Amino acid sequence: MDIEEAKKELQRILTEKRYNHSLGTMKMAKELAKVYGEDEEKAAFAGLIHDIAKEMPQDKIMEYVKLHNIKMDKIEEKQLGLMHAKLGASIAKEKYNCDEEIQKAILYHTTGNKKMDRFAKIIYLADKTEENRTYEEVEKLRKMAKEDLNGALLFTLDFTIQKSIRNKRLIHPDTIDLRNYLLS
């Protein structure tokens, strides 16, 4: 895992806005890792590369999916943008030789998953709370993320689900399963 090499790659393949988001996620992941006693450098790297496949064109996504035999569920087929998490996890393994913990954190950073460990929750929340985010309630969420990981996760899930409903978007079952898991 070479963070400088990854930065150069991301700068080449991402828009400036997405690259800055990745840098912000890296910074917040490191901050949250420190709060929760996780490996700060590892969290920083996962935060940096979490969106490595986010701006991949649809035809390239499908090509990558076929080439690497990646399974797509019915929701991902309808909302192809969700696939950036699966592709990102695969790229993290192949290109950067990332361990399973980083791969799962990247895999779960979009929909969430009830199998998320503390490290994955940190990356998920770092993505939602990094310094470039300006949506309503982000300041409240930033504070929560540093005090109550599961509470912040639940808050984010509720916000995400409500936004998906307002925008008439499908809600991935993993998101609902994680919310229900946290509540039970």
C-alpha atoms as a PDB file:
ATOM      1  CA  MET A   1       0.000   0.000   0.000  1.00  0.00           C
ATOM      2  CA  ASP A   2       1.736   3.114  -1.222  1.00  0.00           C
ATOM      3  CA  ILE A   3      -0.387   6.146  -0.439  1.00  0.00           C
ATOM      4  CA  GLU A   4       1.548   8.487  -2.757  1.00  0.00           C
ATOM      5  CA  GLU A   5       1.214   6.052  -5.665  1.00  0.00           C
ATOM      6  CA  ALA A   6      -2.520   5.783  -4.998  1.00  0.00           C
ATOM      7  CA  LYS A   7      -2.886   9.578  -4.876  1.00  0.00           C
ATOM      8  CA  LYS A   8      -1.211   9.897  -8.294  1.00  0.00           C
ATOM      9  CA  GLU A   9      -3.475   7.213  -9.743  1.00  0.00           C
ATOM     10  CA  LEU A  10      -6.621   8.825  -8.316  1.00  0.00           C
ATOM     11  CA  GLN A  11      -5.610  12.266  -9.537  1.00  0.00           C
ATOM     12  CA  ARG A  12      -5.284  10.784 -13.006  1.00  0.00           C
ATOM     13  CA  ILE A  13      -8.620   8.925 -13.102  1.00  0.00           C
ATOM     14  CA  LEU A  14     -10.962  11.043 -10.945  1.00  0.00           C
ATOM     15  CA  THR A  15     -12.418  14.497 -11.387  1.00  0.00           C
ATOM     16  CA  GLU A  16     -10.969  17.174  -9.117  1.00  0.00           C
ATOM     17  CA  LYS A  17     -14.135  17.138  -6.986  1.00  0.00           C
ATOM     18  CA  ARG A  18     -14.034  13.356  -6.491  1.00  0.00           C
ATOM     19  CA  TYR A  19     -10.299  13.442  -5.808  1.00  0.00           C
ATOM     20  CA  ASN A  20     -10.808  16.110  -3.139  1.00  0.00           C
ATOM     21  CA  HIS A  21     -13.611  13.988  -1.656  1.00  0.00           C
ATOM     22  CA  SER A  22     -11.185  11.056  -1.516  1.00  0.00           C
ATOM     23  CA  LEU A  23      -8.580  13.180   0.264  1.00  0.00           C
ATOM     24  CA  GLY A  24     -11.241  14.374   2.710  1.00  0.00           C
ATOM     25  CA  THR A  25     -12.371  10.806   3.347  1.00  0.00           C
ATOM     26  CA  MET A  26      -8.765   9.777   3.931  1.00  0.00           C
ATOM     27  CA  LYS A  27      -8.353  12.554   6.513  1.00  0.00           C
ATOM     28  CA  MET A  28     -11.607  11.759   8.333  1.00  0.00           C
ATOM     29  CA  ALA A  29     -10.912   8.002   8.267  1.00  0.00           C
ATOM     30  CA  LYS A  30      -7.581   8.613   9.970  1.00  0.00           C
ATOM     31  CA  GLU A  31      -9.277  10.853  12.562  1.00  0.00           C
ATOM     32  CA  LEU A  32     -12.010   8.310  13.327  1.00  0.00           C
ATOM     33  CA  ALA A  33      -9.502   5.447  13.438  1.00  0.00           C
ATOM     34  CA  LYS A  34      -7.591   7.336  16.109  1.00  0.00           C
ATOM     35  CA  VAL A  35     -10.775   7.853  18.159  1.00  0.00           C
ATOM     36  CA  TYR A  36     -11.737   4.163  17.943  1.00  0.00           C
ATOM     37  CA  GLY A  37      -8.290   2.581  18.234  1.00  0.00           C
ATOM     38  CA  GLU A  38      -7.964   1.292  14.670  1.00  0.00           C
ATOM     39  CA  ASP A  39      -4.860   1.451  12.465  1.00  0.00           C
ATOM     40  CA  GLU A  40      -4.763   5.083  11.314  1.00  0.00           C
ATOM     41  CA  GLU A  41      -2.581   4.570   8.234  1.00  0.00           C
ATOM     42  CA  LYS A  42      -4.640   1.634   7.064  1.00  0.00           C
ATOM     43  CA  ALA A  43      -7.846   3.631   7.546  1.00  0.00           C
ATOM     44  CA  ALA A  44      -6.320   6.573   5.682  1.00  0.00           C
ATOM     45  CA  PHE A  45      -5.453   4.326   2.732  1.00  0.00           C
ATOM     46  CA  ALA A  46      -8.927   2.746   2.662  1.00  0.00           C
ATOM     47  CA  GLY A  47     -10.512   6.198   2.841  1.00  0.00           C
ATOM     48  CA  LEU A  48      -8.332   7.438   0.012  1.00  0.00           C
ATOM     49  CA  ILE A  49      -9.135   4.633  -2.440  1.00  0.00           C
ATOM     50  CA  HIS A  50     -12.759   3.888  -1.439  1.00  0.00           C
ATOM     51  CA  ASP A  51     -14.124   5.602  -4.607  1.00  0.00           C
ATOM     52  CA  ILE A  52     -11.432   4.417  -7.025  1.00  0.00           C
ATOM     53  CA  ALA A  53     -14.117   2.976  -9.352  1.00  0.00           C
ATOM     54  CA  LYS A  54     -16.753   5.691  -8.766  1.00  0.00           C
ATOM     55  CA  GLU A  55     -16.285   7.487 -12.078  1.00  0.00           C
ATOM     56  CA  MET A  56     -15.715   4.418 -14.209  1.00  0.00           C
ATOM     57  CA  PRO A  57     -17.893   4.631 -17.358  1.00  0.00           C
ATOM     58  CA  GLN A  58     -20.826   2.197 -17.513  1.00  0.00           C
ATOM     59  CA  ASP A  59     -19.358   0.191 -20.377  1.00  0.00           C
ATOM     60  CA  LYS A  60     -16.102  -0.227 -18.416  1.00  0.00           C
ATOM     61  CA  ILE A  61     -18.060  -1.267 -15.328  1.00  0.00           C
ATOM     62  CA  MET A  62     -19.784  -4.014 -17.301  1.00  0.00           C
ATOM     63  CA  GLU A  63     -16.513  -5.060 -18.893  1.00  0.00           C
ATOM     64  CA  TYR A  64     -14.832  -5.271 -15.470  1.00  0.00           C
ATOM     65  CA  VAL A  65     -17.794  -7.180 -13.993  1.00  0.00           C
ATOM     66  CA  LYS A  66     -17.635  -9.783 -16.771  1.00  0.00           C
ATOM     67  CA  LEU A  67     -13.843 -10.056 -16.756  1.00  0.00           C
ATOM     68  CA  HIS A  68     -13.690 -10.557 -12.962  1.00  0.00           C
ATOM     69  CA  ASN A  69     -16.904 -12.571 -12.678  1.00  0.00           C
ATOM     70  CA  ILE A  70     -18.435 -10.142 -10.165  1.00  0.00           C
ATOM     71  CA  LYS A  71     -22.030 -10.867  -9.221  1.00  0.00           C
ATOM     72  CA  MET A  72     -24.647  -8.148  -9.577  1.00  0.00           C
ATOM     73  CA  ASP A  73     -27.947  -8.208  -7.751  1.00  0.00           C
ATOM     74  CA  LYS A  74     -31.198  -6.849  -9.223  1.00  0.00           C
ATOM     75  CA  ILE A  75     -30.831  -3.447  -7.559  1.00  0.00           C
ATOM     76  CA  GLU A  76     -27.248  -3.043  -8.782  1.00  0.00           C
ATOM     77  CA  GLU A  77     -28.416  -3.911 -12.295  1.00  0.00           C
ATOM     78  CA  LYS A  78     -30.923  -1.039 -12.119  1.00  0.00           C
ATOM     79  CA  GLN A  79     -28.580   1.370 -10.293  1.00  0.00           C
ATOM     80  CA  LEU A  80     -25.216   0.584 -11.827  1.00  0.00           C
ATOM     81  CA  GLY A  81     -23.519   3.297  -9.766  1.00  0.00           C
ATOM     82  CA  LEU A  82     -23.728   1.027  -6.726  1.00  0.00           C
ATOM     83  CA  MET A  83     -21.254  -1.310  -8.414  1.00  0.00           C
ATOM     84  CA  HIS A  84     -18.359   1.066  -7.727  1.00  0.00           C
ATOM     85  CA  ALA A  85     -18.088  -0.450  -4.234  1.00  0.00           C
ATOM     86  CA  LYS A  86     -17.673  -4.027  -5.494  1.00  0.00           C
ATOM     87  CA  LEU A  87     -15.271  -2.927  -8.203  1.00  0.00           C
ATOM     88  CA  GLY A  88     -13.345  -0.758  -5.747  1.00  0.00           C
ATOM     89  CA  ALA A  89     -12.913  -3.691  -3.375  1.00  0.00           C
ATOM     90  CA  SER A  90     -11.653  -5.836  -6.244  1.00  0.00           C
ATOM     91  CA  ILE A  91      -9.228  -3.146  -7.428  1.00  0.00           C
ATOM     92  CA  ALA A  92      -7.981  -2.660  -3.845  1.00  0.00           C
ATOM     93  CA  LYS A  93      -7.068  -6.337  -3.734  1.00  0.00           C
ATOM     94  CA  GLU A  94      -5.599  -6.643  -7.218  1.00  0.00           C
ATOM     95  CA  LYS A  95      -3.824  -3.316  -7.653  1.00  0.00           C
ATOM     96  CA  TYR A  96      -2.812  -2.500  -4.070  1.00  0.00           C
ATOM     97  CA  ASN A  97      -2.764  -5.940  -2.449  1.00  0.00           C
ATOM     98  CA  CYS A  98      -5.079  -4.689   0.309  1.00  0.00           C
ATOM     99  CA  ASP A  99      -6.130  -7.068   3.036  1.00  0.00           C
ATOM    100  CA  GLU A 100      -9.647  -8.372   3.546  1.00  0.00           C
ATOM    101  CA  GLU A 101     -10.490  -5.714   6.135  1.00  0.00           C
ATOM    102  CA  ILE A 102      -9.873  -2.883   3.651  1.00  0.00           C
ATOM    103  CA  GLN A 103     -11.646  -4.775   0.877  1.00  0.00           C
ATOM    104  CA  LYS A 104     -14.763  -5.244   3.025  1.00  0.00           C
ATOM    105  CA  ALA A 105     -14.729  -1.616   4.159  1.00  0.00           C
ATOM    106  CA  ILE A 106     -14.702  -0.497   0.519  1.00  0.00           C
ATOM    107  CA  LEU A 107     -17.293  -3.112  -0.420  1.00  0.00           C
ATOM    108  CA  TYR A 108     -19.696  -1.914   2.296  1.00  0.00           C
ATOM    109  CA  HIS A 109     -19.095   1.858   2.084  1.00  0.00           C
ATOM    110  CA  THR A 110     -22.108   2.553  -0.140  1.00  0.00           C
ATOM    111  CA  THR A 111     -24.976   0.331   1.000  1.00  0.00           C
ATOM    112  CA  GLY A 112     -23.689  -0.740   4.393  1.00  0.00           C
ATOM    113  CA  ASN A 113     -23.963  -4.336   5.549  1.00  0.00           C
ATOM    114  CA  LYS A 114     -24.834  -5.993   8.839  1.00  0.00           C
ATOM    115  CA  LYS A 115     -21.476  -7.819   8.688  1.00  0.00           C
ATOM    116  CA  MET A 116     -19.578  -4.521   8.980  1.00  0.00           C
ATOM    117  CA  ASP A 117     -16.845  -4.484  11.600  1.00  0.00           C
ATOM    118  CA  ARG A 118     -15.653  -1.325  13.372  1.00  0.00           C
ATOM    119  CA  PHE A 119     -13.099  -0.603  10.635  1.00  0.00           C
ATOM    120  CA  ALA A 120     -15.764  -0.770   7.898  1.00  0.00           C
ATOM    121  CA  LYS A 121     -18.062   1.483   9.928  1.00  0.00           C
ATOM    122  CA  ILE A 122     -15.250   4.027  10.205  1.00  0.00           C
ATOM    123  CA  ILE A 123     -14.741   4.093   6.429  1.00  0.00           C
ATOM    124  CA  TYR A 124     -18.505   4.304   5.830  1.00  0.00           C
ATOM    125  CA  LEU A 125     -18.830   7.275   8.188  1.00  0.00           C
ATOM    126  CA  ALA A 126     -15.640   8.946   6.946  1.00  0.00           C
ATOM    127  CA  ASP A 127     -17.152   8.916   3.448  1.00  0.00           C
ATOM    128  CA  LYS A 128     -20.329  10.582   4.737  1.00  0.00           C
ATOM    129  CA  THR A 129     -18.667  13.133   7.040  1.00  0.00           C
ATOM    130  CA  GLU A 130     -15.494  14.263   5.282  1.00  0.00           C
ATOM    131  CA  GLU A 131     -14.788  18.001   5.262  1.00  0.00           C
ATOM    132  CA  ASN A 132     -16.128  18.630   1.731  1.00  0.00           C
ATOM    133  CA  ARG A 133     -19.608  17.350   2.585  1.00  0.00           C
ATOM    134  CA  THR A 134     -22.081  20.185   3.066  1.00  0.00           C
ATOM    135  CA  TYR A 135     -25.504  18.543   3.320  1.00  0.00           C
ATOM    136  CA  GLU A 136     -27.985  19.322   6.064  1.00  0.00           C
ATOM    137  CA  GLU A 137     -27.111  17.723   9.416  1.00  0.00           C
ATOM    138  CA  VAL A 138     -23.499  16.897   8.440  1.00  0.00           C
ATOM    139  CA  GLU A 139     -22.082  18.856  11.395  1.00  0.00           C
ATOM    140  CA  LYS A 140     -24.304  16.907  13.791  1.00  0.00           C
ATOM    141  CA  LEU A 141     -23.195  13.661  12.147  1.00  0.00           C
ATOM    142  CA  ARG A 142     -19.497  14.588  12.363  1.00  0.00           C
ATOM    143  CA  LYS A 143     -19.868  15.104  16.103  1.00  0.00           C
ATOM    144  CA  MET A 144     -21.836  11.863  16.516  1.00  0.00           C
ATOM    145  CA  ALA A 145     -19.280   9.877  14.499  1.00  0.00           C
ATOM    146  CA  LYS A 146     -16.605  10.744  17.068  1.00  0.00           C
ATOM    147  CA  GLU A 147     -18.795   9.782  20.030  1.00  0.00           C
ATOM    148  CA  ASP A 148     -21.057   6.881  19.024  1.00  0.00           C
ATOM    149  CA  LEU A 149     -20.146   4.845  15.957  1.00  0.00           C
ATOM    150  CA  ASN A 150     -23.366   2.819  15.820  1.00  0.00           C
ATOM    151  CA  GLY A 151     -25.552   5.823  16.647  1.00  0.00           C
ATOM    152  CA  ALA A 152     -23.921   7.807  13.856  1.00  0.00           C
ATOM    153  CA  LEU A 153     -24.320   4.872  11.493  1.00  0.00           C
ATOM    154  CA  LEU A 154     -28.036   4.592  12.282  1.00  0.00           C
ATOM    155  CA  PHE A 155     -28.467   8.351  11.860  1.00  0.00           C
ATOM    156  CA  THR A 156     -26.770   8.178   8.452  1.00  0.00           C
ATOM    157  CA  LEU A 157     -28.829   5.203   7.335  1.00  0.00           C
ATOM    158  CA  ASP A 158     -32.059   6.988   8.247  1.00  0.00           C
ATOM    159  CA  PHE A 159     -30.913  10.091   6.366  1.00  0.00           C
ATOM    160  CA  THR A 160     -29.883   8.029   3.325  1.00  0.00           C
ATOM    161  CA  ILE A 161     -33.116   6.039   3.261  1.00  0.00           C
ATOM    162  CA  GLN A 162     -35.237   9.208   3.539  1.00  0.00           C
ATOM    163  CA  LYS A 163     -33.252  10.823   0.710  1.00  0.00           C
ATOM    164  CA  SER A 164     -33.711   7.715  -1.454  1.00  0.00           C
ATOM    165  CA  ILE A 165     -37.448   7.807  -0.811  1.00  0.00           C
ATOM    166  CA  ARG A 166     -37.669  11.524  -1.692  1.00  0.00           C
ATOM    167  CA  ASN A 167     -35.712  10.891  -4.901  1.00  0.00           C
ATOM    168  CA  LYS A 168     -37.758   7.779  -5.736  1.00  0.00           C
ATOM    169  CA  ARG A 169     -34.635   5.600  -5.783  1.00  0.00           C
ATOM    170  CA  LEU A 170     -34.404   1.951  -4.922  1.00  0.00           C
ATOM    171  CA  ILE A 171     -33.090   1.100  -1.460  1.00  0.00           C
ATOM    172  CA  HIS A 172     -30.624  -1.747  -1.327  1.00  0.00           C
ATOM    173  CA  PRO A 173     -31.642  -4.603   1.023  1.00  0.00           C
ATOM    174  CA  ASP A 174     -28.221  -4.451   2.723  1.00  0.00           C
ATOM    175  CA  THR A 175     -29.054  -0.917   3.877  1.00  0.00           C
ATOM    176  CA  ILE A 176     -32.363  -2.043   5.389  1.00  0.00           C
ATOM    177  CA  ASP A 177     -30.766  -5.157   6.916  1.00  0.00           C
ATOM    178  CA  LEU A 178     -28.046  -3.054   8.563  1.00  0.00           C
ATOM    179  CA  ARG A 179     -30.574  -0.587   9.954  1.00  0.00           C
ATOM    180  CA  ASN A 180     -32.728  -3.405  11.351  1.00  0.00           C
ATOM    181  CA  TYR A 181     -29.637  -5.106  12.789  1.00  0.00           C
ATOM    182  CA  LEU A 182     -28.545  -1.922  14.562  1.00  0.00           C
ATOM    183  CA  LEU A 183     -32.031  -1.427  15.997  1.00  0.00           C
ATOM    184  CA  SER A 184     -32.271  -5.009  17.283  1.00  0.00           C
END
